[in-house]
Amino acid sequence: MNPLKIVANLIMHGASLLAPSDRADRVRAMKGEFVAIARPDASLDWALGCLAVAANWRVRADSVYFLALGLSVLLAPDLLLLPLAFRAQQQFEPYLAIACAGGLFLPGLVVSIIRPDRVALTSVLLTCSIPGCLNALRAVLISLPYSAVSGQGVNWTEWFEAVAIIAVLLALSLGASLVGRLLGYRLAPAH
């Protein structure tokens, strides 16, 4: 098989996965026309066009979700952490992130009501938006391999503390997202 045709098949498969489920009939029609194209370069052009159309459909279908998630990731954690950060004399402690983790509940709830089928993505992105979580994640992912290579001993207390912070924040975010999922499915109009 021609390499262009292989790439075109992969792109066409990606377009069919990317398209929203309510466009399945149109995706089948695009696939039918794709199969009928004999020239590999023309099939690649067709597949790229289908991918662009599928991406457009996906963005339109999920625009409210993307907007809500983006606003939550950008604004909610910083706004909720700001007063406590000043109270802590401009010093950010890891426990401050856990104390403010209630700030994950409302954004996780709202975003999961909008898209109840995206609980895992919502939870992970909201958790990673908390400043202390990224620092803890960096400590977990970098300190252990670095300590093993450099011959220095691992500070297991700090490592377990970082893992605990990530676990607590993720659990809170996941809990909020699951409650939002239940509400989202209950509030969704019946088809």
Protein backbone atom coordinates (compact mmCIF):
# COMPACT_ATOMS: atom_id res chain seq x y z
CA MET A 1 0.00 0.00 0.00
CA ASN A 2 1.18 3.50 -0.81
CA PRO A 3 2.58 5.46 2.20
CA LEU A 4 0.32 8.41 1.37
CA LYS A 5 -2.70 6.12 1.48
CA ILE A 6 -1.59 4.75 4.86
CA VAL A 7 -1.28 8.27 6.26
CA ALA A 8 -4.62 9.20 4.72
CA ASN A 9 -6.27 6.16 6.35
CA LEU A 10 -4.84 7.15 9.75
CA ILE A 11 -6.04 10.74 9.35
CA MET A 12 -9.48 9.58 8.25
CA HIS A 13 -9.69 7.29 11.28
CA GLY A 14 -8.72 10.23 13.50
CA ALA A 15 -11.40 12.38 11.90
CA SER A 16 -14.03 9.74 12.58
CA LEU A 17 -12.95 9.52 16.23
CA LEU A 18 -12.92 13.29 16.60
CA ALA A 19 -16.37 13.90 15.17
CA PRO A 20 -19.26 14.15 17.67
CA SER A 21 -21.55 11.13 17.82
CA ASP A 22 -24.52 13.08 16.46
CA ARG A 23 -22.62 13.45 13.17
CA ALA A 24 -22.16 9.69 12.64
CA ASP A 25 -24.23 9.66 9.44
CA ARG A 26 -22.08 12.39 7.91
CA VAL A 27 -18.90 10.62 8.96
CA ARG A 28 -20.09 7.43 7.26
CA ALA A 29 -20.76 9.43 4.08
CA MET A 30 -17.29 10.98 4.21
CA LYS A 31 -15.73 7.54 4.71
CA GLY A 32 -17.71 6.18 1.76
CA GLU A 33 -16.40 8.93 -0.49
CA PHE A 34 -12.89 8.42 0.90
CA VAL A 35 -12.94 4.73 -0.06
CA ALA A 36 -13.99 5.64 -3.60
CA ILE A 37 -10.95 7.88 -4.16
CA ALA A 38 -8.28 6.03 -6.13
CA ARG A 39 -5.33 8.46 -6.11
CA PRO A 40 -3.31 8.49 -2.85
CA ASP A 41 -2.63 12.24 -2.98
CA ALA A 42 -6.33 12.97 -3.50
CA SER A 43 -7.26 10.63 -0.64
CA LEU A 44 -4.82 12.48 1.63
CA ASP A 45 -6.40 15.81 0.65
CA TRP A 46 -9.87 14.38 1.34
CA ALA A 47 -8.79 12.97 4.72
CA LEU A 48 -7.25 16.30 5.78
CA GLY A 49 -10.45 18.08 4.79
CA CYS A 50 -12.51 15.58 6.79
CA LEU A 51 -10.24 16.09 9.80
CA ALA A 52 -10.73 19.86 9.59
CA VAL A 53 -14.50 19.46 9.36
CA ALA A 54 -14.56 17.01 12.28
CA ALA A 55 -12.46 19.39 14.39
CA ASN A 56 -14.88 22.20 13.58
CA TRP A 57 -17.82 20.03 14.63
CA ARG A 58 -16.07 19.06 17.86
CA VAL A 59 -15.24 22.65 18.78
CA ARG A 60 -18.82 23.74 18.12
CA ALA A 61 -20.24 20.81 20.07
CA ASP A 62 -17.96 21.35 23.07
CA SER A 63 -17.51 25.13 23.05
CA VAL A 64 -19.45 25.67 26.29
CA TYR A 65 -17.49 22.89 27.99
CA PHE A 66 -14.15 24.27 26.78
CA LEU A 67 -15.09 27.78 27.89
CA ALA A 68 -16.24 26.66 31.34
CA LEU A 69 -13.21 24.44 31.83
CA GLY A 70 -10.83 27.15 30.61
CA LEU A 71 -12.31 29.77 32.93
CA SER A 72 -12.21 27.32 35.83
CA VAL A 73 -8.61 26.35 35.19
CA LEU A 74 -7.47 29.95 34.71
CA LEU A 75 -9.47 31.84 37.30
CA ALA A 76 -10.96 29.77 40.10
CA PRO A 77 -7.87 28.38 41.85
CA ASP A 78 -5.93 31.65 41.80
CA LEU A 79 -8.88 33.69 43.02
CA LEU A 80 -9.52 31.26 45.86
CA LEU A 81 -5.87 31.01 46.89
CA LEU A 82 -5.08 34.72 46.77
CA PRO A 83 -6.56 35.82 50.14
CA LEU A 84 -4.97 32.93 52.03
CA ALA A 85 -1.62 33.46 50.32
CA PHE A 86 -1.52 37.03 51.61
CA ARG A 87 -2.57 35.85 55.06
CA ALA A 88 0.37 33.42 55.00
CA GLN A 89 2.72 36.41 54.60
CA GLN A 90 3.39 35.91 50.91
CA GLN A 91 4.56 32.40 51.56
CA PHE A 92 2.95 29.46 49.79
CA GLU A 93 2.76 26.29 51.84
CA PRO A 94 1.63 22.99 50.34
CA TYR A 95 -1.05 22.66 53.01
CA LEU A 96 -2.51 25.95 51.87
CA ALA A 97 -3.47 24.24 48.61
CA ILE A 98 -5.30 21.54 50.51
CA ALA A 99 -7.02 24.12 52.72
CA CYS A 100 -8.24 25.90 49.60
CA ALA A 101 -9.12 22.73 47.74
CA GLY A 102 -12.75 23.45 48.40
CA GLY A 103 -12.24 25.89 45.57
CA LEU A 104 -12.07 22.86 43.29
CA PHE A 105 -15.56 21.79 44.26
CA LEU A 106 -17.62 24.50 42.59
CA PRO A 107 -15.73 24.60 39.27
CA GLY A 108 -15.64 20.80 39.12
CA LEU A 109 -19.34 20.65 39.84
CA VAL A 110 -20.30 23.24 37.22
CA VAL A 111 -18.06 21.92 34.47
CA SER A 112 -19.19 18.32 35.08
CA ILE A 113 -22.84 19.34 34.93
CA ILE A 114 -22.13 20.76 31.47
CA ARG A 115 -20.30 17.62 30.28
CA PRO A 116 -20.99 14.68 32.61
CA ASP A 117 -19.07 12.33 30.32
CA ARG A 118 -15.74 14.11 30.91
CA VAL A 119 -15.22 13.57 34.63
CA ALA A 120 -11.64 12.31 34.43
CA LEU A 121 -10.40 15.09 32.15
CA THR A 122 -12.15 17.75 34.21
CA SER A 123 -10.74 16.42 37.48
CA VAL A 124 -7.15 16.16 36.27
CA LEU A 125 -7.10 19.61 34.64
CA LEU A 126 -8.69 21.33 37.63
CA THR A 127 -6.32 19.59 40.04
CA CYS A 128 -3.27 20.58 37.99
CA SER A 129 -4.47 24.19 37.97
CA ILE A 130 -3.79 24.50 41.71
CA PRO A 131 -0.29 26.02 41.97
CA GLY A 132 0.87 23.75 44.82
CA CYS A 133 -0.15 20.64 42.90
CA LEU A 134 2.24 21.34 40.04
CA ASN A 135 5.07 21.91 42.49
CA ALA A 136 4.21 18.64 44.25
CA LEU A 137 4.00 16.80 40.94
CA ARG A 138 7.40 18.14 39.91
CA ALA A 139 8.85 16.97 43.23
CA VAL A 140 7.43 13.49 42.73
CA LEU A 141 8.52 13.12 39.11
CA ILE A 142 11.96 14.72 39.35
CA SER A 143 13.32 14.17 42.85
CA LEU A 144 13.28 10.37 42.87
CA PRO A 145 15.05 9.79 39.52
CA TYR A 146 17.50 12.65 40.20
CA SER A 147 18.36 11.27 43.63
CA ALA A 148 18.94 7.80 42.18
CA VAL A 149 21.27 9.15 39.47
CA SER A 150 23.17 11.60 41.67
CA GLY A 151 23.69 9.13 44.50
CA GLN A 152 22.03 11.39 47.05
CA GLY A 153 19.48 9.93 49.36
CA VAL A 154 15.83 10.48 48.61
CA ASN A 155 13.95 12.65 51.08
CA TRP A 156 11.05 10.23 51.47
CA THR A 157 9.13 12.55 53.80
CA GLU A 158 8.92 15.27 51.19
CA TRP A 159 8.18 12.74 48.46
CA PHE A 160 5.27 11.14 50.35
CA GLU A 161 4.01 14.60 51.33
CA ALA A 162 3.92 15.58 47.65
CA VAL A 163 2.11 12.37 46.71
CA ALA A 164 -0.41 12.97 49.51
CA ILE A 165 -1.09 16.53 48.32
CA ILE A 166 -1.72 15.34 44.77
CA ALA A 167 -3.95 12.50 45.99
CA VAL A 168 -6.07 14.75 48.23
CA LEU A 169 -6.51 17.41 45.56
CA LEU A 170 -7.38 14.85 42.92
CA ALA A 171 -9.83 13.10 45.24
CA LEU A 172 -11.60 16.39 46.02
CA SER A 173 -11.76 17.36 42.38
CA LEU A 174 -12.95 13.90 41.35
CA GLY A 175 -15.62 13.93 44.06
CA ALA A 176 -16.93 17.27 42.84
CA SER A 177 -16.87 16.10 39.25
CA LEU A 178 -18.76 12.92 40.10
CA VAL A 179 -21.47 14.91 41.89
CA GLY A 180 -21.62 17.18 38.83
CA ARG A 181 -21.88 14.12 36.62
CA LEU A 182 -24.88 12.82 38.55
CA LEU A 183 -26.56 16.21 38.41
CA GLY A 184 -25.67 16.64 34.75
CA TYR A 185 -27.32 13.37 33.76
CA ARG A 186 -30.37 14.19 35.88
CA LEU A 187 -30.73 17.69 34.40
CA ALA A 188 -30.12 16.60 30.80
CA PRO A 189 -33.20 16.61 28.62
CA ALA A 190 -34.49 13.17 27.67
CA HIS A 191 -33.95 12.28 24.02
